[in-house]
PDB file of all heavy atoms in Angstrom:
ATOM      1  N   ASP A   1     104.837  99.238  93.395  1.00  0.00           N
ATOM      2  CA  ASP A   1     104.541 100.681  93.346  1.00  0.00           C
ATOM      3  C   ASP A   1     104.279 101.213  94.750  1.00  0.00           C
ATOM      4  O   ASP A   1     104.722 102.315  95.111  1.00  0.00           O
ATOM      5  CB  ASP A   1     103.318 100.944  92.465  1.00  0.00           C
ATOM      6  CG  ASP A   1     103.603 100.746  90.989  1.00  0.00           C
ATOM      7  OD1 ASP A   1     104.787 100.716  90.610  1.00  0.00           O
ATOM      8  OD2 ASP A   1     102.634 100.622  90.212  1.00  0.00           O
ATOM      9  N   ASN A   2     103.562 100.440  95.535  1.00  0.00           N
ATOM     10  CA  ASN A   2     103.248 100.842  96.894  1.00  0.00           C
ATOM     11  C   ASN A   2     104.508 100.959  97.749  1.00  0.00           C
ATOM     12  O   ASN A   2     104.675 101.917  98.509  1.00  0.00           O
ATOM     13  CB  ASN A   2     102.286  99.827  97.511  1.00  0.00           C
ATOM     14  CG  ASN A   2     101.709 100.272  98.839  1.00  0.00           C
ATOM     15  OD1 ASN A   2     101.052 101.289  98.918  1.00  0.00           O
ATOM     16  ND2 ASN A   2     101.960  99.491  99.883  1.00  0.00           N
ATOM     17  N   GLU A   3     105.402  99.985  97.613  1.00  0.00           N
ATOM     18  CA  GLU A   3     106.652 100.011  98.368  1.00  0.00           C
ATOM     19  C   GLU A   3     107.497 101.233  97.997  1.00  0.00           C
ATOM     20  O   GLU A   3     108.062 101.901  98.874  1.00  0.00           O
ATOM     21  CB  GLU A   3     107.447  98.728  98.096  1.00  0.00           C
ATOM     22  CG  GLU A   3     106.841  97.477  98.707  1.00  0.00           C
ATOM     23  CD  GLU A   3     106.974  97.462 100.210  1.00  0.00           C
ATOM     24  OE1 GLU A   3     108.116  97.369 100.699  1.00  0.00           O
ATOM     25  OE2 GLU A   3     105.946  97.566 100.892  1.00  0.00           O
ATOM     26  N   LYS A   4     107.579 101.535  96.707  1.00  0.00           N
ATOM     27  CA  LYS A   4     108.350 102.697  96.258  1.00  0.00           C
ATOM     28  C   LYS A   4     107.736 103.992  96.776  1.00  0.00           C
ATOM     29  O   LYS A   4     108.451 104.915  97.167  1.00  0.00           O
ATOM     30  CB  LYS A   4     108.407 102.716  94.730  1.00  0.00           C
ATOM     31  CG  LYS A   4     109.233 101.598  94.110  1.00  0.00           C
ATOM     32  CD  LYS A   4     109.149 101.630  92.596  1.00  0.00           C
ATOM     33  CE  LYS A   4     109.906 100.465  91.971  1.00  0.00           C
ATOM     34  NZ  LYS A   4     109.757 100.444  90.483  1.00  0.00           N
ATOM     35  N   ALA A   5     106.403 104.056  96.771  1.00  0.00           N
ATOM     36  CA  ALA A   5     105.717 105.265  97.233  1.00  0.00           C
ATOM     37  C   ALA A   5     105.973 105.498  98.722  1.00  0.00           C
ATOM     38  O   ALA A   5     106.253 106.632  99.137  1.00  0.00           O
ATOM     39  CB  ALA A   5     104.225 105.156  96.963  1.00  0.00           C
ATOM     40  N   ILE A   6     105.888 104.430  99.519  1.00  0.00           N
ATOM     41  CA  ILE A   6     106.127 104.569 100.959  1.00  0.00           C
ATOM     42  C   ILE A   6     107.564 105.031 101.214  1.00  0.00           C
ATOM     43  O   ILE A   6     107.807 105.916 102.046  1.00  0.00           O
ATOM     44  CB  ILE A   6     105.846 103.239 101.679  1.00  0.00           C
ATOM     45  CG1 ILE A   6     104.349 102.919 101.621  1.00  0.00           C
ATOM     46  CG2 ILE A   6     106.334 103.277 103.119  1.00  0.00           C
ATOM     47  CD1 ILE A   6     103.982 101.542 102.129  1.00  0.00           C
ATOM     48  N   HIS A   7     108.512 104.461 100.491  1.00  0.00           N
ATOM     49  CA  HIS A   7     109.914 104.858 100.636  1.00  0.00           C
ATOM     50  C   HIS A   7     110.101 106.326 100.273  1.00  0.00           C
ATOM     51  O   HIS A   7     110.805 107.073 100.975  1.00  0.00           O
ATOM     52  CB  HIS A   7     110.796 103.975  99.749  1.00  0.00           C
ATOM     53  CG  HIS A   7     112.252 104.322  99.816  1.00  0.00           C
ATOM     54  ND1 HIS A   7     113.032 104.042 100.920  1.00  0.00           N
ATOM     55  CD2 HIS A   7     113.066 104.940  98.912  1.00  0.00           C
ATOM     56  CE1 HIS A   7     114.267 104.465 100.703  1.00  0.00           C
ATOM     57  NE2 HIS A   7     114.313 105.015  99.490  1.00  0.00           N
ATOM     58  N   SER A   8     109.457 106.771  99.202  1.00  0.00           N
ATOM     59  CA  SER A   8     109.569 108.162  98.770  1.00  0.00           C
ATOM     60  C   SER A   8     108.977 109.111  99.802  1.00  0.00           C
ATOM     61  O   SER A   8     109.550 110.166 100.098  1.00  0.00           O
ATOM     62  CB  SER A   8     108.870 108.347  97.424  1.00  0.00           C
ATOM     63  OG  SER A   8     108.890 109.694  97.018  1.00  0.00           O
ATOM     64  N   VAL A   9     107.830 108.753 100.358  1.00  0.00           N
ATOM     65  CA  VAL A   9     107.204 109.599 101.382  1.00  0.00           C
ATOM     66  C   VAL A   9     108.110 109.703 102.603  1.00  0.00           C
ATOM     67  O   VAL A   9     108.308 110.795 103.162  1.00  0.00           O
ATOM     68  CB  VAL A   9     105.824 109.023 101.773  1.00  0.00           C
ATOM     69  CG1 VAL A   9     105.278 109.737 103.004  1.00  0.00           C
ATOM     70  CG2 VAL A   9     104.847 109.165 100.608  1.00  0.00           C
ATOM     71  N   ARG A  10     108.669 108.588 103.029  1.00  0.00           N
ATOM     72  CA  ARG A  10     109.595 108.610 104.169  1.00  0.00           C
ATOM     73  C   ARG A  10     110.773 109.554 103.907  1.00  0.00           C
ATOM     74  O   ARG A  10     111.166 110.331 104.791  1.00  0.00           O
ATOM     75  CB  ARG A  10     110.122 107.201 104.449  1.00  0.00           C
ATOM     76  CG  ARG A  10     109.131 106.254 105.100  1.00  0.00           C
ATOM     77  CD  ARG A  10     109.749 104.868 105.235  1.00  0.00           C
ATOM     78  NE  ARG A  10     108.879 103.913 105.900  1.00  0.00           N
ATOM     79  CZ  ARG A  10     108.903 103.654 107.205  1.00  0.00           C
ATOM     80  NH1 ARG A  10     109.758 104.294 107.986  1.00  0.00           N
ATOM     81  NH2 ARG A  10     108.079 102.773 107.733  1.00  0.00           N
ATOM     82  N   GLU A  11     111.337 109.479 102.714  1.00  0.00           N
ATOM     83  CA  GLU A  11     112.485 110.316 102.369  1.00  0.00           C
ATOM     84  C   GLU A  11     112.134 111.800 102.396  1.00  0.00           C
ATOM     85  O   GLU A  11     112.892 112.625 102.917  1.00  0.00           O
ATOM     86  CB  GLU A  11     113.010 109.938 100.983  1.00  0.00           C
ATOM     87  CG  GLU A  11     113.840 108.673 100.945  1.00  0.00           C
ATOM     88  CD  GLU A  11     114.535 108.497  99.611  1.00  0.00           C
ATOM     89  OE1 GLU A  11     113.972 108.965  98.586  1.00  0.00           O
ATOM     90  OE2 GLU A  11     115.634 107.912  99.578  1.00  0.00           O
ATOM     91  N   GLN A  12     110.979 112.141 101.823  1.00  0.00           N
ATOM     92  CA  GLN A  12     110.599 113.556 101.753  1.00  0.00           C
ATOM     93  C   GLN A  12     110.276 114.129 103.127  1.00  0.00           C
ATOM     94  O   GLN A  12     110.516 115.313 103.386  1.00  0.00           O
ATOM     95  CB  GLN A  12     109.404 113.718 100.805  1.00  0.00           C
ATOM     96  CG  GLN A  12     109.772 113.447  99.343  1.00  0.00           C
ATOM     97  CD  GLN A  12     108.578 113.529  98.415  1.00  0.00           C
ATOM     98  OE1 GLN A  12     108.048 114.608  98.162  1.00  0.00           O
ATOM     99  NE2 GLN A  12     108.145 112.383  97.906  1.00  0.00           N
ATOM    100  N   ILE A  13     109.752 113.303 104.020  1.00  0.00           N
ATOM    101  CA  ILE A  13     109.531 113.752 105.399  1.00  0.00           C
ATOM    102  C   ILE A  13     110.866 113.954 106.105  1.00  0.00           C
ATOM    103  O   ILE A  13     111.091 114.977 106.774  1.00  0.00           O
ATOM    104  CB  ILE A  13     108.669 112.730 106.161  1.00  0.00           C
ATOM    105  CG1 ILE A  13     107.236 112.724 105.607  1.00  0.00           C
ATOM    106  CG2 ILE A  13     108.648 113.052 107.653  1.00  0.00           C
ATOM    107  CD1 ILE A  13     106.358 111.636 106.185  1.00  0.00           C
ATOM    108  N   ALA A  14     111.775 113.009 105.942  1.00  0.00           N
ATOM    109  CA  ALA A  14     113.088 113.087 106.597  1.00  0.00           C
ATOM    110  C   ALA A  14     113.898 114.266 106.070  1.00  0.00           C
ATOM    111  O   ALA A  14     114.583 114.950 106.848  1.00  0.00           O
ATOM    112  CB  ALA A  14     113.852 111.780 106.379  1.00  0.00           C
ATOM    113  N   ASP A  15     113.816 114.518 104.760  1.00  0.00           N
ATOM    114  CA  ASP A  15     114.565 115.628 104.166  1.00  0.00           C
ATOM    115  C   ASP A  15     114.165 116.970 104.766  1.00  0.00           C
ATOM    116  O   ASP A  15     114.962 117.921 104.767  1.00  0.00           O
ATOM    117  CB  ASP A  15     114.339 115.670 102.650  1.00  0.00           C
ATOM    118  CG  ASP A  15     115.035 114.531 101.923  1.00  0.00           C
ATOM    119  OD1 ASP A  15     115.909 113.886 102.543  1.00  0.00           O
ATOM    120  OD2 ASP A  15     114.699 114.273 100.751  1.00  0.00           O
ATOM    121  N   ARG A  16     112.936 117.062 105.254  1.00  0.00           N
ATOM    122  CA  ARG A  16     112.455 118.329 105.826  1.00  0.00           C
ATOM    123  C   ARG A  16     112.597 118.371 107.344  1.00  0.00           C
ATOM    124  O   ARG A  16     112.172 119.342 107.975  1.00  0.00           O
ATOM    125  CB  ARG A  16     110.990 118.542 105.404  1.00  0.00           C
ATOM    126  CG  ARG A  16     110.901 118.948 103.952  1.00  0.00           C
ATOM    127  CD  ARG A  16     109.539 118.674 103.351  1.00  0.00           C
ATOM    128  NE  ARG A  16     109.486 119.197 101.991  1.00  0.00           N
ATOM    129  CZ  ARG A  16     110.024 118.585 100.936  1.00  0.00           C
ATOM    130  NH1 ARG A  16     110.643 117.424 101.090  1.00  0.00           N
ATOM    131  NH2 ARG A  16     109.958 119.130  99.738  1.00  0.00           N
ATOM    132  N   GLY A  17     113.162 117.319 107.923  1.00  0.00           N
ATOM    133  CA  GLY A  17     113.422 117.318 109.350  1.00  0.00           C
ATOM    134  C   GLY A  17     112.200 117.152 110.224  1.00  0.00           C
ATOM    135  O   GLY A  17     112.238 117.441 111.433  1.00  0.00           O
ATOM    136  N   HIS A  18     111.107 116.658 109.659  1.00  0.00           N
ATOM    137  CA  HIS A  18     109.893 116.472 110.450  1.00  0.00           C
ATOM    138  C   HIS A  18     109.973 115.176 111.254  1.00  0.00           C
ATOM    139  O   HIS A  18     110.525 114.172 110.799  1.00  0.00           O
ATOM    140  CB  HIS A  18     108.660 116.414 109.543  1.00  0.00           C
ATOM    141  CG  HIS A  18     108.435 117.660 108.742  1.00  0.00           C
ATOM    142  ND1 HIS A  18     108.469 118.913 109.290  1.00  0.00           N
ATOM    143  CD2 HIS A  18     108.159 117.829 107.415  1.00  0.00           C
ATOM    144  CE1 HIS A  18     108.228 119.812 108.355  1.00  0.00           C
ATOM    145  NE2 HIS A  18     108.036 119.186 107.204  1.00  0.00           N
ATOM    146  N   SER A  19     109.381 115.180 112.430  1.00  0.00           N
ATOM    147  CA  SER A  19     109.261 113.970 113.237  1.00  0.00           C
ATOM    148  C   SER A  19     108.001 113.224 112.805  1.00  0.00           C
ATOM    149  O   SER A  19     106.933 113.832 112.654  1.00  0.00           O
ATOM    150  CB  SER A  19     109.169 114.343 114.713  1.00  0.00           C
ATOM    151  OG  SER A  19     108.900 113.210 115.500  1.00  0.00           O
ATOM    152  N   ALA A  20     108.130 111.924 112.597  1.00  0.00           N
ATOM    153  CA  ALA A  20     106.987 111.153 112.105  1.00  0.00           C
ATOM    154  C   ALA A  20     106.975 109.760 112.716  1.00  0.00           C
ATOM    155  O   ALA A  20     108.020 109.191 113.039  1.00  0.00           O
ATOM    156  CB  ALA A  20     107.033 111.044 110.586  1.00  0.00           C
ATOM    157  N   THR A  21     105.765 109.231 112.880  1.00  0.00           N
ATOM    158  CA  THR A  21     105.565 107.857 113.306  1.00  0.00           C
ATOM    159  C   THR A  21     104.889 107.113 112.170  1.00  0.00           C
ATOM    160  O   THR A  21     103.892 107.591 111.619  1.00  0.00           O
ATOM    161  CB  THR A  21     104.665 107.790 114.563  1.00  0.00           C
ATOM    162  OG1 THR A  21     105.303 108.510 115.617  1.00  0.00           O
ATOM    163  CG2 THR A  21     104.438 106.349 114.988  1.00  0.00           C
ATOM    164  N   PHE A  22     105.410 105.941 111.803  1.00  0.00           N
ATOM    165  CA  PHE A  22     104.873 105.165 110.682  1.00  0.00           C
ATOM    166  C   PHE A  22     104.172 103.918 111.210  1.00  0.00           C
ATOM    167  O   PHE A  22     104.755 103.153 111.981  1.00  0.00           O
ATOM    168  CB  PHE A  22     105.997 104.764 109.721  1.00  0.00           C
ATOM    169  CG  PHE A  22     106.698 105.942 109.097  1.00  0.00           C
ATOM    170  CD1 PHE A  22     107.815 106.507 109.694  1.00  0.00           C
ATOM    171  CD2 PHE A  22     106.223 106.505 107.916  1.00  0.00           C
ATOM    172  CE1 PHE A  22     108.459 107.602 109.128  1.00  0.00           C
ATOM    173  CE2 PHE A  22     106.855 107.593 107.351  1.00  0.00           C
ATOM    174  CZ  PHE A  22     107.975 108.149 107.955  1.00  0.00           C
ATOM    175  N   ILE A  23     102.913 103.725 110.792  1.00  0.00           N
ATOM    176  CA  ILE A  23     102.159 102.545 111.215  1.00  0.00           C
ATOM    177  C   ILE A  23     101.447 101.952 110.008  1.00  0.00           C
ATOM    178  O   ILE A  23     101.204 102.633 109.007  1.00  0.00           O
ATOM    179  CB  ILE A  23     101.135 102.876 112.321  1.00  0.00           C
ATOM    180  CG1 ILE A  23     100.095 103.867 111.793  1.00  0.00           C
ATOM    181  CG2 ILE A  23     101.817 103.417 113.569  1.00  0.00           C
ATOM    182  CD1 ILE A  23      98.970 104.125 112.771  1.00  0.00           C
ATOM    183  N   HIS A  24     101.088 100.672 110.101  1.00  0.00           N
ATOM    184  CA  HIS A  24     100.323 100.017 109.052  1.00  0.00           C
ATOM    185  C   HIS A  24      98.839 100.314 109.223  1.00  0.00           C
ATOM    186  O   HIS A  24      98.371 100.639 110.320  1.00  0.00           O
ATOM    187  CB  HIS A  24     100.567  98.509 109.064  1.00  0.00           C
ATOM    188  CG  HIS A  24     101.955  98.125 108.647  1.00  0.00           C
ATOM    189  ND1 HIS A  24     102.388  98.242 107.343  1.00  0.00           N
ATOM    190  CD2 HIS A  24     103.002  97.635 109.363  1.00  0.00           C
ATOM    191  CE1 HIS A  24     103.645  97.829 107.271  1.00  0.00           C
ATOM    192  NE2 HIS A  24     104.041  97.464 108.478  1.00  0.00           N
ATOM    193  N   ARG A  25      98.093 100.179 108.149  1.00  0.00           N
ATOM    194  CA  ARG A  25      96.674 100.557 108.158  1.00  0.00           C
ATOM    195  C   ARG A  25      95.841  99.741 109.137  1.00  0.00           C
ATOM    196  O   ARG A  25      94.803 100.201 109.608  1.00  0.00           O
ATOM    197  CB  ARG A  25      96.083 100.429 106.742  1.00  0.00           C
ATOM    198  CG  ARG A  25      96.100  99.016 106.199  1.00  0.00           C
ATOM    199  CD  ARG A  25      95.721  98.976 104.737  1.00  0.00           C
ATOM    200  NE  ARG A  25      94.287  99.180 104.520  1.00  0.00           N
ATOM    201  CZ  ARG A  25      93.720  99.162 103.313  1.00  0.00           C
ATOM    202  NH1 ARG A  25      94.459  99.001 102.240  1.00  0.00           N
ATOM    203  NH2 ARG A  25      92.426  99.311 103.188  1.00  0.00           N
ATOM    204  N   ALA A  26      96.275  98.534 109.466  1.00  0.00           N
ATOM    205  CA  ALA A  26      95.512  97.692 110.383  1.00  0.00           C
ATOM    206  C   ALA A  26      95.757  98.047 111.844  1.00  0.00           C
ATOM    207  O   ALA A  26      95.060  97.558 112.728  1.00  0.00           O
ATOM    208  CB  ALA A  26      95.863  96.223 110.149  1.00  0.00           C
ATOM    209  N   GLU A  27      96.731  98.912 112.116  1.00  0.00           N
ATOM    210  CA  GLU A  27      97.066  99.281 113.485  1.00  0.00           C
ATOM    211  C   GLU A  27      96.311 100.541 113.898  1.00  0.00           C
ATOM    212  O   GLU A  27      96.037 101.410 113.074  1.00  0.00           O
ATOM    213  CB  GLU A  27      98.568  99.522 113.612  1.00  0.00           C
ATOM    214  CG  GLU A  27      99.425  98.301 113.295  1.00  0.00           C
ATOM    215  CD  GLU A  27     100.907  98.631 113.279  1.00  0.00           C
ATOM    216  OE1 GLU A  27     101.280  99.722 112.806  1.00  0.00           O
ATOM    217  OE2 GLU A  27     101.685  97.794 113.743  1.00  0.00           O
ATOM    218  N   ALA A  28      95.995 100.631 115.186  1.00  0.00           N
ATOM    219  CA  ALA A  28      95.345 101.829 115.708  1.00  0.00           C
ATOM    220  C   ALA A  28      96.334 102.989 115.735  1.00  0.00           C
ATOM    221  O   ALA A  28      97.545 102.789 115.856  1.00  0.00           O
ATOM    222  CB  ALA A  28      94.814 101.561 117.110  1.00  0.00           C
ATOM    223  N   LEU A  29      95.812 104.196 115.612  1.00  0.00           N
ATOM    224  CA  LEU A  29      96.676 105.365 115.643  1.00  0.00           C
ATOM    225  C   LEU A  29      97.308 105.507 117.023  1.00  0.00           C
ATOM    226  O   LEU A  29      96.704 105.174 118.036  1.00  0.00           O
ATOM    227  CB  LEU A  29      95.872 106.624 115.312  1.00  0.00           C
ATOM    228  CG  LEU A  29      95.284 106.707 113.901  1.00  0.00           C
ATOM    229  CD1 LEU A  29      94.526 108.013 113.728  1.00  0.00           C
ATOM    230  CD2 LEU A  29      96.377 106.605 112.853  1.00  0.00           C
ATOM    231  N   PRO A  30      98.544 106.033 117.077  1.00  0.00           N
ATOM    232  CA  PRO A  30      99.209 106.216 118.373  1.00  0.00           C
ATOM    233  C   PRO A  30      98.499 107.269 119.216  1.00  0.00           C
ATOM    234  O   PRO A  30      97.693 108.060 118.723  1.00  0.00           O
ATOM    235  CB  PRO A  30     100.623 106.665 117.978  1.00  0.00           C
ATOM    236  CG  PRO A  30     100.486 107.213 116.594  1.00  0.00           C
ATOM    237  CD  PRO A  30      99.391 106.430 115.938  1.00  0.00           C
ATOM    238  N   ALA A  31      98.842 107.305 120.503  1.00  0.00           N
ATOM    239  CA  ALA A  31      98.131 108.165 121.447  1.00  0.00           C
ATOM    240  C   ALA A  31      98.404 109.648 121.215  1.00  0.00           C
ATOM    241  O   ALA A  31      97.556 110.489 121.488  1.00  0.00           O
ATOM    242  CB  ALA A  31      98.512 107.772 122.874  1.00  0.00           C
ATOM    243  N   GLN A  32      99.598 109.984 120.732  1.00  0.00           N
ATOM    244  CA  GLN A  32      99.918 111.399 120.578  1.00  0.00           C
ATOM    245  C   GLN A  32      99.060 112.044 119.491  1.00  0.00           C
ATOM    246  O   GLN A  32      98.580 111.378 118.587  1.00  0.00           O
ATOM    247  CB  GLN A  32     101.405 111.601 120.260  1.00  0.00           C
ATOM    248  CG  GLN A  32     101.836 111.126 118.869  1.00  0.00           C
ATOM    249  CD  GLN A  32     102.458 109.753 118.893  1.00  0.00           C
ATOM    250  OE1 GLN A  32     102.058 108.923 119.697  1.00  0.00           O
ATOM    251  NE2 GLN A  32     103.411 109.511 118.024  1.00  0.00           N
ATOM    252  N   ASP A  33      98.872 113.356 119.622  1.00  0.00           N
ATOM    253  CA  ASP A  33      98.041 114.098 118.683  1.00  0.00           C
ATOM    254  C   ASP A  33      98.934 114.744 117.630  1.00  0.00           C
ATOM    255  O   ASP A  33      99.592 115.746 117.904  1.00  0.00           O
ATOM    256  CB  ASP A  33      97.233 115.164 119.429  1.00  0.00           C
ATOM    257  CG  ASP A  33      96.169 115.796 118.555  1.00  0.00           C
ATOM    258  OD1 ASP A  33      95.856 115.217 117.502  1.00  0.00           O
ATOM    259  OD2 ASP A  33      95.668 116.870 118.911  1.00  0.00           O
ATOM    260  N   PRO A  34      98.998 114.219 116.411  1.00  0.00           N
ATOM    261  CA  PRO A  34      99.922 114.747 115.405  1.00  0.00           C
ATOM    262  C   PRO A  34      99.403 116.040 114.773  1.00  0.00           C
ATOM    263  O   PRO A  34      98.206 116.342 114.820  1.00  0.00           O
ATOM    264  CB  PRO A  34      99.980 113.621 114.369  1.00  0.00           C
ATOM    265  CG  PRO A  34      98.627 112.987 114.454  1.00  0.00           C
ATOM    266  CD  PRO A  34      98.226 113.073 115.905  1.00  0.00           C
ATOM    267  N   ASP A  35     100.318 116.793 114.172  1.00  0.00           N
ATOM    268  CA  ASP A  35      99.919 117.972 113.413  1.00  0.00           C
ATOM    269  C   ASP A  35      99.220 117.573 112.118  1.00  0.00           C
ATOM    270  O   ASP A  35      98.352 118.294 111.632  1.00  0.00           O
ATOM    271  CB  ASP A  35     101.154 118.825 113.068  1.00  0.00           C
ATOM    272  CG  ASP A  35     101.825 119.374 114.319  1.00  0.00           C
ATOM    273  OD1 ASP A  35     101.113 119.979 115.150  1.00  0.00           O
ATOM    274  OD2 ASP A  35     103.041 119.179 114.472  1.00  0.00           O
ATOM    275  N   LEU A  36      99.624 116.424 111.579  1.00  0.00           N
ATOM    276  CA  LEU A  36      99.086 115.983 110.298  1.00  0.00           C
ATOM    277  C   LEU A  36      99.195 114.468 110.192  1.00  0.00           C
ATOM    278  O   LEU A  36     100.187 113.877 110.614  1.00  0.00           O
ATOM    279  CB  LEU A  36      99.862 116.634 109.137  1.00  0.00           C
ATOM    280  CG  LEU A  36      99.466 116.241 107.717  1.00  0.00           C
ATOM    281  CD1 LEU A  36      98.046 116.691 107.398  1.00  0.00           C
ATOM    282  CD2 LEU A  36     100.448 116.844 106.707  1.00  0.00           C
ATOM    283  N   ILE A  37      98.154 113.851 109.624  1.00  0.00           N
ATOM    284  CA  ILE A  37      98.166 112.411 109.351  1.00  0.00           C
ATOM    285  C   ILE A  37      98.224 112.225 107.844  1.00  0.00           C
ATOM    286  O   ILE A  37      97.401 112.772 107.103  1.00  0.00           O
ATOM    287  CB  ILE A  37      96.911 111.728 109.916  1.00  0.00           C
ATOM    288  CG1 ILE A  37      96.890 111.840 111.445  1.00  0.00           C
ATOM    289  CG2 ILE A  37      96.854 110.262 109.491  1.00  0.00           C
ATOM    290  CD1 ILE A  37      95.601 111.361 112.081  1.00  0.00           C
ATOM    291  N   LEU A  38      99.213 111.469 107.364  1.00  0.00           N
ATOM    292  CA  LEU A  38      99.315 111.125 105.949  1.00  0.00           C
ATOM    293  C   LEU A  38      98.806 109.708 105.744  1.00  0.00           C
ATOM    294  O   LEU A  38      99.251 108.781 106.425  1.00  0.00           O
ATOM    295  CB  LEU A  38     100.765 111.215 105.457  1.00  0.00           C
ATOM    296  CG  LEU A  38     101.225 112.566 104.914  1.00  0.00           C
ATOM    297  CD1 LEU A  38     101.294 113.582 106.034  1.00  0.00           C
ATOM    298  CD2 LEU A  38     102.586 112.427 104.233  1.00  0.00           C
ATOM    299  N   SER A  39      97.874 109.549 104.827  1.00  0.00           N
ATOM    300  CA  SER A  39      97.373 108.227 104.457  1.00  0.00           C
ATOM    301  C   SER A  39      97.993 107.868 103.108  1.00  0.00           C
ATOM    302  O   SER A  39      97.681 108.482 102.091  1.00  0.00           O
ATOM    303  CB  SER A  39      95.842 108.260 104.353  1.00  0.00           C
ATOM    304  OG  SER A  39      95.358 107.081 103.757  1.00  0.00           O
ATOM    305  N   VAL A  40      98.893 106.886 103.115  1.00  0.00           N
ATOM    306  CA  VAL A  40      99.606 106.499 101.894  1.00  0.00           C
ATOM    307  C   VAL A  40      99.032 105.183 101.394  1.00  0.00           C
ATOM    308  O   VAL A  40      99.198 104.144 102.011  1.00  0.00           O
ATOM    309  CB  VAL A  40     101.123 106.363 102.146  1.00  0.00           C
ATOM    310  CG1 VAL A  40     101.852 106.096 100.834  1.00  0.00           C
ATOM    311  CG2 VAL A  40     101.669 107.624 102.807  1.00  0.00           C
ATOM    312  N   GLY A  41      98.345 105.220 100.280  1.00  0.00           N
ATOM    313  CA  GLY A  41      97.695 104.044  99.712  1.00  0.00           C
ATOM    314  C   GLY A  41      96.695 104.497  98.675  1.00  0.00           C
ATOM    315  O   GLY A  41      97.037 105.186  97.725  1.00  0.00           O
ATOM    316  N   GLY A  42      95.436 104.151  98.878  1.00  0.00           N
ATOM    317  CA  GLY A  42      94.367 104.601  98.000  1.00  0.00           C
ATOM    318  C   GLY A  42      93.185 105.028  98.841  1.00  0.00           C
ATOM    319  O   GLY A  42      93.315 105.313 100.041  1.00  0.00           O
ATOM    320  N   ASP A  43      92.015 105.058  98.235  1.00  0.00           N
ATOM    321  CA  ASP A  43      90.825 105.467  98.975  1.00  0.00           C
ATOM    322  C   ASP A  43      90.499 104.484 100.103  1.00  0.00           C
ATOM    323  O   ASP A  43      90.020 104.888 101.163  1.00  0.00           O
ATOM    324  CB  ASP A  43      89.630 105.567  98.018  1.00  0.00           C
ATOM    325  CG  ASP A  43      89.727 106.779  97.108  1.00  0.00           C
ATOM    326  OD1 ASP A  43      90.354 107.777  97.513  1.00  0.00           O
ATOM    327  OD2 ASP A  43      89.176 106.724  95.987  1.00  0.00           O
ATOM    328  N   GLY A  44      90.765 103.199  99.883  1.00  0.00           N
ATOM    329  CA  GLY A  44      90.499 102.214 100.923  1.00  0.00           C
ATOM    330  C   GLY A  44      91.334 102.460 102.165  1.00  0.00           C
ATOM    331  O   GLY A  44      90.838 102.342 103.297  1.00  0.00           O
TER     332      GLY A  44
END
């Protein structure tokens, strides 16, 4: 379910032409200041 959700989120971002950086939860956020951060998972 998690894999399908991540794939769906990627598709919907790409369909709208937005630029996005994808990282895993254990990695630190990149240096650039994004307009929006999407957390894909659960409350954890």
